[in-house]
PDB file of N, CA and C in Angstrom:
ATOM      1  N   MET A   1      83.872  12.968  77.061  1.00  0.00           N
ATOM      2  CA  MET A   1      82.724  12.975  76.202  1.00  0.00           C
ATOM      3  C   MET A   1      83.101  13.759  74.949  1.00  0.00           C
ATOM      4  N   VAL A   2      82.625  13.296  73.812  1.00  0.00           N
ATOM      5  CA  VAL A   2      82.847  13.995  72.552  1.00  0.00           C
ATOM      6  C   VAL A   2      81.482  14.353  71.977  1.00  0.00           C
ATOM      7  N   ILE A   3      81.319  15.622  71.618  1.00  0.00           N
ATOM      8  CA  ILE A   3      80.070  16.075  71.007  1.00  0.00           C
ATOM      9  C   ILE A   3      80.372  16.641  69.633  1.00  0.00           C
ATOM     10  N   ASP A   4      79.388  16.594  68.758  1.00  0.00           N
ATOM     11  CA  ASP A   4      79.520  17.143  67.414  1.00  0.00           C
ATOM     12  C   ASP A   4      78.699  18.422  67.352  1.00  0.00           C
ATOM     13  N   VAL A   5      79.357  19.521  67.030  1.00  0.00           N
ATOM     14  CA  VAL A   5      78.681  20.807  66.911  1.00  0.00           C
ATOM     15  C   VAL A   5      78.951  21.336  65.508  1.00  0.00           C
ATOM     16  N   ALA A   6      77.932  21.306  64.679  1.00  0.00           N
ATOM     17  CA  ALA A   6      78.043  21.796  63.301  1.00  0.00           C
ATOM     18  C   ALA A   6      79.232  21.167  62.575  1.00  0.00           C
ATOM     19  N   GLY A   7      79.412  19.868  62.762  1.00  0.00           N
ATOM     20  CA  GLY A   7      80.484  19.157  62.080  1.00  0.00           C
ATOM     21  C   GLY A   7      81.836  19.199  62.766  1.00  0.00           C
ATOM     22  N   GLU A   8      81.940  19.909  63.873  1.00  0.00           N
ATOM     23  CA  GLU A   8      83.196  19.957  64.628  1.00  0.00           C
ATOM     24  C   GLU A   8      83.091  19.014  65.820  1.00  0.00           C
ATOM     25  N   LYS A   9      84.128  18.180  66.006  1.00  0.00           N
ATOM     26  CA  LYS A   9      84.167  17.274  67.155  1.00  0.00           C
ATOM     27  C   LYS A   9      84.850  17.989  68.318  1.00  0.00           C
ATOM     28  N   ILE A  10      84.110  18.130  69.408  1.00  0.00           N
ATOM     29  CA  ILE A  10      84.605  18.847  70.581  1.00  0.00           C
ATOM     30  C   ILE A  10      84.624  17.888  71.771  1.00  0.00           C
ATOM     31  N   GLY A  11      85.784  17.798  72.411  1.00  0.00           N
ATOM     32  CA  GLY A  11      85.915  16.987  73.613  1.00  0.00           C
ATOM     33  C   GLY A  11      85.572  17.817  74.836  1.00  0.00           C
ATOM     34  N   VAL A  12      84.815  17.241  75.749  1.00  0.00           N
ATOM     35  CA  VAL A  12      84.444  17.926  76.985  1.00  0.00           C
ATOM     36  C   VAL A  12      84.883  17.044  78.158  1.00  0.00           C
ATOM     37  N   ILE A  13      85.683  17.630  79.047  1.00  0.00           N
ATOM     38  CA  ILE A  13      86.177  16.918  80.221  1.00  0.00           C
ATOM     39  C   ILE A  13      85.676  17.647  81.462  1.00  0.00           C
ATOM     40  N   GLY A  14      85.023  16.938  82.346  1.00  0.00           N
ATOM     41  CA  GLY A  14      84.533  17.531  83.584  1.00  0.00           C
ATOM     42  C   GLY A  14      85.440  17.193  84.757  1.00  0.00           C
ATOM     43  N   TYR A  15      85.482  18.084  85.727  1.00  0.00           N
ATOM     44  CA  TYR A  15      86.287  17.854  86.932  1.00  0.00           C
ATOM     45  C   TYR A  15      85.664  18.585  88.111  1.00  0.00           C
ATOM     46  N   LEU A  16      85.982  18.107  89.317  1.00  0.00           N
ATOM     47  CA  LEU A  16      85.534  18.807  90.519  1.00  0.00           C
ATOM     48  C   LEU A  16      86.537  18.599  91.635  1.00  0.00           C
ATOM     49  N   THR A  17      86.387  19.390  92.642  1.00  0.00           N
ATOM     50  CA  THR A  17      87.343  19.399  93.742  1.00  0.00           C
ATOM     51  C   THR A  17      87.386  18.051  94.463  1.00  0.00           C
ATOM     52  N   PRO A  18      88.580  17.603  94.830  1.00  0.00           N
ATOM     53  CA  PRO A  18      88.679  16.382  95.628  1.00  0.00           C
ATOM     54  C   PRO A  18      87.980  16.512  96.986  1.00  0.00           C
ATOM     55  N   ASP A  19      87.711  17.739  97.429  1.00  0.00           N
ATOM     56  CA  ASP A  19      86.975  17.950  98.683  1.00  0.00           C
ATOM     57  C   ASP A  19      85.573  17.357  98.624  1.00  0.00           C
ATOM     58  N   THR A  20      85.081  17.105  97.421  1.00  0.00           N
ATOM     59  CA  THR A  20      83.761  16.505  97.257  1.00  0.00           C
ATOM     60  C   THR A  20      83.659  15.194  98.028  1.00  0.00           C
ATOM     61  N   GLU A  21      84.776  14.497  98.125  1.00  0.00           N
ATOM     62  CA  GLU A  21      84.814  13.229  98.858  1.00  0.00           C
ATOM     63  C   GLU A  21      84.353  13.400 100.303  1.00  0.00           C
ATOM     64  N   PHE A  22      84.647  14.586 100.878  1.00  0.00           N
ATOM     65  CA  PHE A  22      84.316  14.845 102.278  1.00  0.00           C
ATOM     66  C   PHE A  22      83.042  15.671 102.447  1.00  0.00           C
ATOM     67  N   LEU A  23      82.604  16.317 101.371  1.00  0.00           N
ATOM     68  CA  LEU A  23      81.440  17.195 101.429  1.00  0.00           C
ATOM     69  C   LEU A  23      80.147  16.500 101.017  1.00  0.00           C
ATOM     70  N   SER A  24      80.268  15.290 100.481  1.00  0.00           N
ATOM     71  CA  SER A  24      79.090  14.565 100.014  1.00  0.00           C
ATOM     72  C   SER A  24      79.249  13.083 100.343  1.00  0.00           C
ATOM     73  N   SER A  25      78.403  12.292  99.780  1.00  0.00           N
ATOM     74  CA  SER A  25      78.478  10.837  99.970  1.00  0.00           C
ATOM     75  C   SER A  25      78.725  10.182  98.612  1.00  0.00           C
ATOM     76  N   PRO A  26      79.982  10.204  98.149  1.00  0.00           N
ATOM     77  CA  PRO A  26      80.267   9.738  96.790  1.00  0.00           C
ATOM     78  C   PRO A  26      80.327   8.224  96.623  1.00  0.00           C
ATOM     79  N   GLY A  27      80.108   7.483  97.676  1.00  0.00           N
ATOM     80  CA  GLY A  27      80.170   6.029  97.557  1.00  0.00           C
ATOM     81  C   GLY A  27      81.595   5.560  97.328  1.00  0.00           C
ATOM     82  N   ASN A  28      81.781   4.721  96.327  1.00  0.00           N
ATOM     83  CA  ASN A  28      83.093   4.141  96.057  1.00  0.00           C
ATOM     84  C   ASN A  28      83.921   4.930  95.050  1.00  0.00           C
ATOM     85  N   LEU A  29      83.541   6.141  94.740  1.00  0.00           N
ATOM     86  CA  LEU A  29      84.314   6.947  93.796  1.00  0.00           C
ATOM     87  C   LEU A  29      85.669   7.303  94.384  1.00  0.00           C
ATOM     88  N   GLU A  30      86.673   7.328  93.527  1.00  0.00           N
ATOM     89  CA  GLU A  30      88.010   7.752  93.939  1.00  0.00           C
ATOM     90  C   GLU A  30      88.278   9.136  93.375  1.00  0.00           C
ATOM     91  N   PHE A  31      88.949   9.978  94.144  1.00  0.00           N
ATOM     92  CA  PHE A  31      89.265  11.332  93.712  1.00  0.00           C
ATOM     93  C   PHE A  31      90.769  11.458  93.547  1.00  0.00           C
ATOM     94  N   GLU A  32      91.177  11.972  92.380  1.00  0.00           N
ATOM     95  CA  GLU A  32      92.586  12.131  92.058  1.00  0.00           C
ATOM     96  C   GLU A  32      92.867  13.593  91.740  1.00  0.00           C
ATOM     97  N   ASP A  33      94.129  13.910  91.563  1.00  0.00           N
ATOM     98  CA  ASP A  33      94.536  15.261  91.195  1.00  0.00           C
ATOM     99  C   ASP A  33      93.875  15.661  89.874  1.00  0.00           C
ATOM    100  N   GLU A  34      93.191  16.800  89.883  1.00  0.00           N
ATOM    101  CA  GLU A  34      92.443  17.235  88.712  1.00  0.00           C
ATOM    102  C   GLU A  34      93.338  17.433  87.494  1.00  0.00           C
ATOM    103  N   VAL A  35      94.464  18.123  87.674  1.00  0.00           N
ATOM    104  CA  VAL A  35      95.336  18.444  86.539  1.00  0.00           C
ATOM    105  C   VAL A  35      95.859  17.162  85.894  1.00  0.00           C
ATOM    106  N   GLN A  36      96.314  16.222  86.701  1.00  0.00           N
ATOM    107  CA  GLN A  36      96.845  14.965  86.161  1.00  0.00           C
ATOM    108  C   GLN A  36      95.759  14.170  85.428  1.00  0.00           C
ATOM    109  N   CYS A  37      94.572  14.132  85.979  1.00  0.00           N
ATOM    110  CA  CYS A  37      93.471  13.410  85.334  1.00  0.00           C
ATOM    111  C   CYS A  37      93.075  14.051  84.012  1.00  0.00           C
ATOM    112  N   ILE A  38      92.991  15.374  84.003  1.00  0.00           N
ATOM    113  CA  ILE A  38      92.625  16.075  82.771  1.00  0.00           C
ATOM    114  C   ILE A  38      93.714  15.895  81.727  1.00  0.00           C
ATOM    115  N   MET A  39      94.964  15.955  82.149  1.00  0.00           N
ATOM    116  CA  MET A  39      96.072  15.745  81.223  1.00  0.00           C
ATOM    117  C   MET A  39      95.962  14.355  80.578  1.00  0.00           C
ATOM    118  N   ARG A  40      95.723  13.354  81.388  1.00  0.00           N
ATOM    119  CA  ARG A  40      95.611  11.980  80.889  1.00  0.00           C
ATOM    120  C   ARG A  40      94.426  11.838  79.920  1.00  0.00           C
ATOM    121  N   GLU A  41      93.283  12.389  80.293  1.00  0.00           N
ATOM    122  CA  GLU A  41      92.094  12.277  79.446  1.00  0.00           C
ATOM    123  C   GLU A  41      92.242  13.089  78.163  1.00  0.00           C
ATOM    124  N   ALA A  42      92.831  14.278  78.247  1.00  0.00           N
ATOM    125  CA  ALA A  42      93.038  15.112  77.057  1.00  0.00           C
ATOM    126  C   ALA A  42      93.982  14.426  76.076  1.00  0.00           C
ATOM    127  N   GLU A  43      95.038  13.812  76.584  1.00  0.00           N
ATOM    128  CA  GLU A  43      95.967  13.080  75.717  1.00  0.00           C
ATOM    129  C   GLU A  43      95.258  11.906  75.047  1.00  0.00           C
ATOM    130  N   LYS A  44      94.419  11.205  75.801  1.00  0.00           N
ATOM    131  CA  LYS A  44      93.663  10.076  75.251  1.00  0.00           C
ATOM    132  C   LYS A  44      92.700  10.544  74.163  1.00  0.00           C
ATOM    133  N   LEU A  45      91.941  11.600  74.433  1.00  0.00           N
ATOM    134  CA  LEU A  45      91.003  12.124  73.436  1.00  0.00           C
ATOM    135  C   LEU A  45      91.731  12.600  72.185  1.00  0.00           C
ATOM    136  N   THR A  46      92.866  13.260  72.372  1.00  0.00           N
ATOM    137  CA  THR A  46      93.646  13.749  71.232  1.00  0.00           C
ATOM    138  C   THR A  46      94.142  12.580  70.388  1.00  0.00           C
ATOM    139  N   ARG A  47      94.561  11.527  71.037  1.00  0.00           N
ATOM    140  CA  ARG A  47      95.096  10.348  70.348  1.00  0.00           C
ATOM    141  C   ARG A  47      93.994   9.567  69.621  1.00  0.00           C
ATOM    142  N   GLU A  48      92.825   9.451  70.226  1.00  0.00           N
ATOM    143  CA  GLU A  48      91.788   8.565  69.707  1.00  0.00           C
ATOM    144  C   GLU A  48      90.721   9.242  68.853  1.00  0.00           C
ATOM    145  N   GLU A  49      90.584  10.540  68.956  1.00  0.00           N
ATOM    146  CA  GLU A  49      89.520  11.258  68.245  1.00  0.00           C
ATOM    147  C   GLU A  49      90.132  12.364  67.381  1.00  0.00           C
ATOM    148  N   ASN A  50      89.449  12.742  66.340  1.00  0.00           N
ATOM    149  CA  ASN A  50      89.883  13.852  65.489  1.00  0.00           C
ATOM    150  C   ASN A  50      89.156  15.114  65.969  1.00  0.00           C
ATOM    151  N   LEU A  51      89.648  15.678  67.083  1.00  0.00           N
ATOM    152  CA  LEU A  51      88.952  16.786  67.736  1.00  0.00           C
ATOM    153  C   LEU A  51      89.350  18.141  67.176  1.00  0.00           C
ATOM    154  N   THR A  52      88.386  19.057  67.210  1.00  0.00           N
ATOM    155  CA  THR A  52      88.654  20.445  66.869  1.00  0.00           C
ATOM    156  C   THR A  52      89.096  21.213  68.107  1.00  0.00           C
ATOM    157  N   LYS A  53      88.454  20.940  69.239  1.00  0.00           N
ATOM    158  CA  LYS A  53      88.732  21.636  70.503  1.00  0.00           C
ATOM    159  C   LYS A  53      88.510  20.686  71.673  1.00  0.00           C
ATOM    160  N   ILE A  54      89.129  21.029  72.811  1.00  0.00           N
ATOM    161  CA  ILE A  54      88.835  20.354  74.073  1.00  0.00           C
ATOM    162  C   ILE A  54      88.482  21.425  75.098  1.00  0.00           C
ATOM    163  N   ILE A  55      87.358  21.209  75.779  1.00  0.00           N
ATOM    164  CA  ILE A  55      86.891  22.122  76.814  1.00  0.00           C
ATOM    165  C   ILE A  55      86.920  21.384  78.154  1.00  0.00           C
ATOM    166  N   ALA A  56      87.508  22.002  79.160  1.00  0.00           N
ATOM    167  CA  ALA A  56      87.488  21.467  80.523  1.00  0.00           C
ATOM    168  C   ALA A  56      86.497  22.300  81.336  1.00  0.00           C
ATOM    169  N   VAL A  57      85.535  21.631  81.953  1.00  0.00           N
ATOM    170  CA  VAL A  57      84.493  22.304  82.728  1.00  0.00           C
ATOM    171  C   VAL A  57      84.535  21.759  84.152  1.00  0.00           C
ATOM    172  N   GLY A  58      84.695  22.666  85.126  1.00  0.00           N
ATOM    173  CA  GLY A  58      84.832  22.137  86.464  1.00  0.00           C
ATOM    174  C   GLY A  58      84.455  23.058  87.597  1.00  0.00           C
ATOM    175  N   HIS A  59      84.708  22.515  88.790  1.00  0.00           N
ATOM    176  CA  HIS A  59      84.347  23.190  90.034  1.00  0.00           C
ATOM    177  C   HIS A  59      85.439  22.891  91.065  1.00  0.00           C
ATOM    178  N   SER A  60      86.625  23.486  90.839  1.00  0.00           N
ATOM    179  CA  SER A  60      87.759  23.212  91.737  1.00  0.00           C
ATOM    180  C   SER A  60      88.461  24.458  92.235  1.00  0.00           C
ATOM    181  N   GLY A  61      88.080  25.612  91.745  1.00  0.00           N
ATOM    182  CA  GLY A  61      88.726  26.843  92.176  1.00  0.00           C
ATOM    183  C   GLY A  61      89.627  27.440  91.106  1.00  0.00           C
ATOM    184  N   PHE A  62      89.843  28.728  91.226  1.00  0.00           N
ATOM    185  CA  PHE A  62      90.567  29.493  90.212  1.00  0.00           C
ATOM    186  C   PHE A  62      92.004  29.014  90.042  1.00  0.00           C
ATOM    187  N   LYS A  63      92.682  28.664  91.128  1.00  0.00           N
ATOM    188  CA  LYS A  63      94.074  28.214  91.024  1.00  0.00           C
ATOM    189  C   LYS A  63      94.175  26.918  90.226  1.00  0.00           C
ATOM    190  N   VAL A  64      93.260  26.006  90.437  1.00  0.00           N
ATOM    191  CA  VAL A  64      93.263  24.757  89.668  1.00  0.00           C
ATOM    192  C   VAL A  64      92.935  25.045  88.209  1.00  0.00           C
ATOM    193  N   ASP A  65      91.961  25.923  87.966  1.00  0.00           N
ATOM    194  CA  ASP A  65      91.627  26.309  86.590  1.00  0.00           C
ATOM    195  C   ASP A  65      92.855  26.873  85.879  1.00  0.00           C
ATOM    196  N   GLN A  66      93.593  27.731  86.562  1.00  0.00           N
ATOM    197  CA  GLN A  66      94.810  28.303  85.981  1.00  0.00           C
ATOM    198  C   GLN A  66      95.851  27.225  85.714  1.00  0.00           C
ATOM    199  N   ALA A  67      96.002  26.280  86.627  1.00  0.00           N
ATOM    200  CA  ALA A  67      96.979  25.199  86.444  1.00  0.00           C
ATOM    201  C   ALA A  67      96.619  24.352  85.229  1.00  0.00           C
ATOM    202  N   ILE A  68      95.343  24.081  85.036  1.00  0.00           N
ATOM    203  CA  ILE A  68      94.908  23.317  83.867  1.00  0.00           C
ATOM    204  C   ILE A  68      95.253  24.083  82.596  1.00  0.00           C
ATOM    205  N   ALA A  69      94.924  25.365  82.563  1.00  0.00           N
ATOM    206  CA  ALA A  69      95.220  26.186  81.385  1.00  0.00           C
ATOM    207  C   ALA A  69      96.717  26.227  81.096  1.00  0.00           C
ATOM    208  N   ARG A  70      97.512  26.270  82.135  1.00  0.00           N
ATOM    209  CA  ARG A  70      98.965  26.380  81.988  1.00  0.00           C
ATOM    210  C   ARG A  70      99.623  25.037  81.644  1.00  0.00           C
ATOM    211  N   GLU A  71      99.142  23.960  82.236  1.00  0.00           N
ATOM    212  CA  GLU A  71      99.858  22.681  82.174  1.00  0.00           C
ATOM    213  C   GLU A  71      99.293  21.651  81.195  1.00  0.00           C
ATOM    214  N   VAL A  72      98.112  21.905  80.651  1.00  0.00           N
ATOM    215  CA  VAL A  72      97.506  20.931  79.733  1.00  0.00           C
ATOM    216  C   VAL A  72      97.302  21.604  78.376  1.00  0.00           C
ATOM    217  N   PRO A  73      98.303  21.526  77.509  1.00  0.00           N
ATOM    218  CA  PRO A  73      98.237  22.250  76.235  1.00  0.00           C
ATOM    219  C   PRO A  73      97.114  21.785  75.310  1.00  0.00           C
ATOM    220  N   GLU A  74      96.625  20.568  75.486  1.00  0.00           N
ATOM    221  CA  GLU A  74      95.534  20.073  74.639  1.00  0.00           C
ATOM    222  C   GLU A  74      94.211  20.766  74.937  1.00  0.00           C
ATOM    223  N   VAL A  75      94.067  21.327  76.137  1.00  0.00           N
ATOM    224  CA  VAL A  75      92.816  21.989  76.523  1.00  0.00           C
ATOM    225  C   VAL A  75      92.807  23.407  75.964  1.00  0.00           C
ATOM    226  N   ASP A  76      91.747  23.710  75.206  1.00  0.00           N
ATOM    227  CA  ASP A  76      91.613  25.027  74.573  1.00  0.00           C
ATOM    228  C   ASP A  76      90.854  26.021  75.438  1.00  0.00           C
ATOM    229  N   ILE A  77      89.881  25.530  76.199  1.00  0.00           N
ATOM    230  CA  ILE A  77      89.033  26.405  77.007  1.00  0.00           C
ATOM    231  C   ILE A  77      88.848  25.776  78.388  1.00  0.00           C
ATOM    232  N   VAL A  78      89.005  26.582  79.432  1.00  0.00           N
ATOM    233  CA  VAL A  78      88.741  26.133  80.800  1.00  0.00           C
ATOM    234  C   VAL A  78      87.580  26.964  81.338  1.00  0.00           C
ATOM    235  N   ILE A  79      86.540  26.287  81.776  1.00  0.00           N
ATOM    236  CA  ILE A  79      85.384  26.964  82.361  1.00  0.00           C
ATOM    237  C   ILE A  79      85.263  26.492  83.807  1.00  0.00           C
ATOM    238  N   GLY A  80      85.483  27.401  84.741  1.00  0.00           N
ATOM    239  CA  GLY A  80      85.414  27.060  86.156  1.00  0.00           C
ATOM    240  C   GLY A  80      84.234  27.736  86.819  1.00  0.00           C
ATOM    241  N   GLY A  81      83.594  27.033  87.737  1.00  0.00           N
ATOM    242  CA  GLY A  81      82.429  27.588  88.400  1.00  0.00           C
ATOM    243  C   GLY A  81      82.562  27.678  89.907  1.00  0.00           C
ATOM    244  N   HIS A  82      83.760  27.516  90.425  1.00  0.00           N
ATOM    245  CA  HIS A  82      83.984  27.541  91.873  1.00  0.00           C
ATOM    246  C   HIS A  82      84.802  28.784  92.208  1.00  0.00           C
ATOM    247  N   THR A  83      84.303  29.609  93.104  1.00  0.00           N
ATOM    248  CA  THR A  83      85.050  30.831  93.433  1.00  0.00           C
ATOM    249  C   THR A  83      85.407  30.846  94.897  1.00  0.00           C
TER     250      THR A  83
END
């Protein structure tokens, strides 16, 4: 998703733990590795949009949040809500 905040285009990518597949009833949704998915989406947003920042917002745990921050250079801010 891309939002405009005071003239700045900001990409927002959401993610959640693959455990959701077993903790809920997600129907036909497929769950993939969070870091790889965010990397792919961040590269796509960077290529297709003139973004100022990319924010990743998720619920996968601190280790995954750290991996995203370390391995996805396009992401400027990681906000995690799973402890």
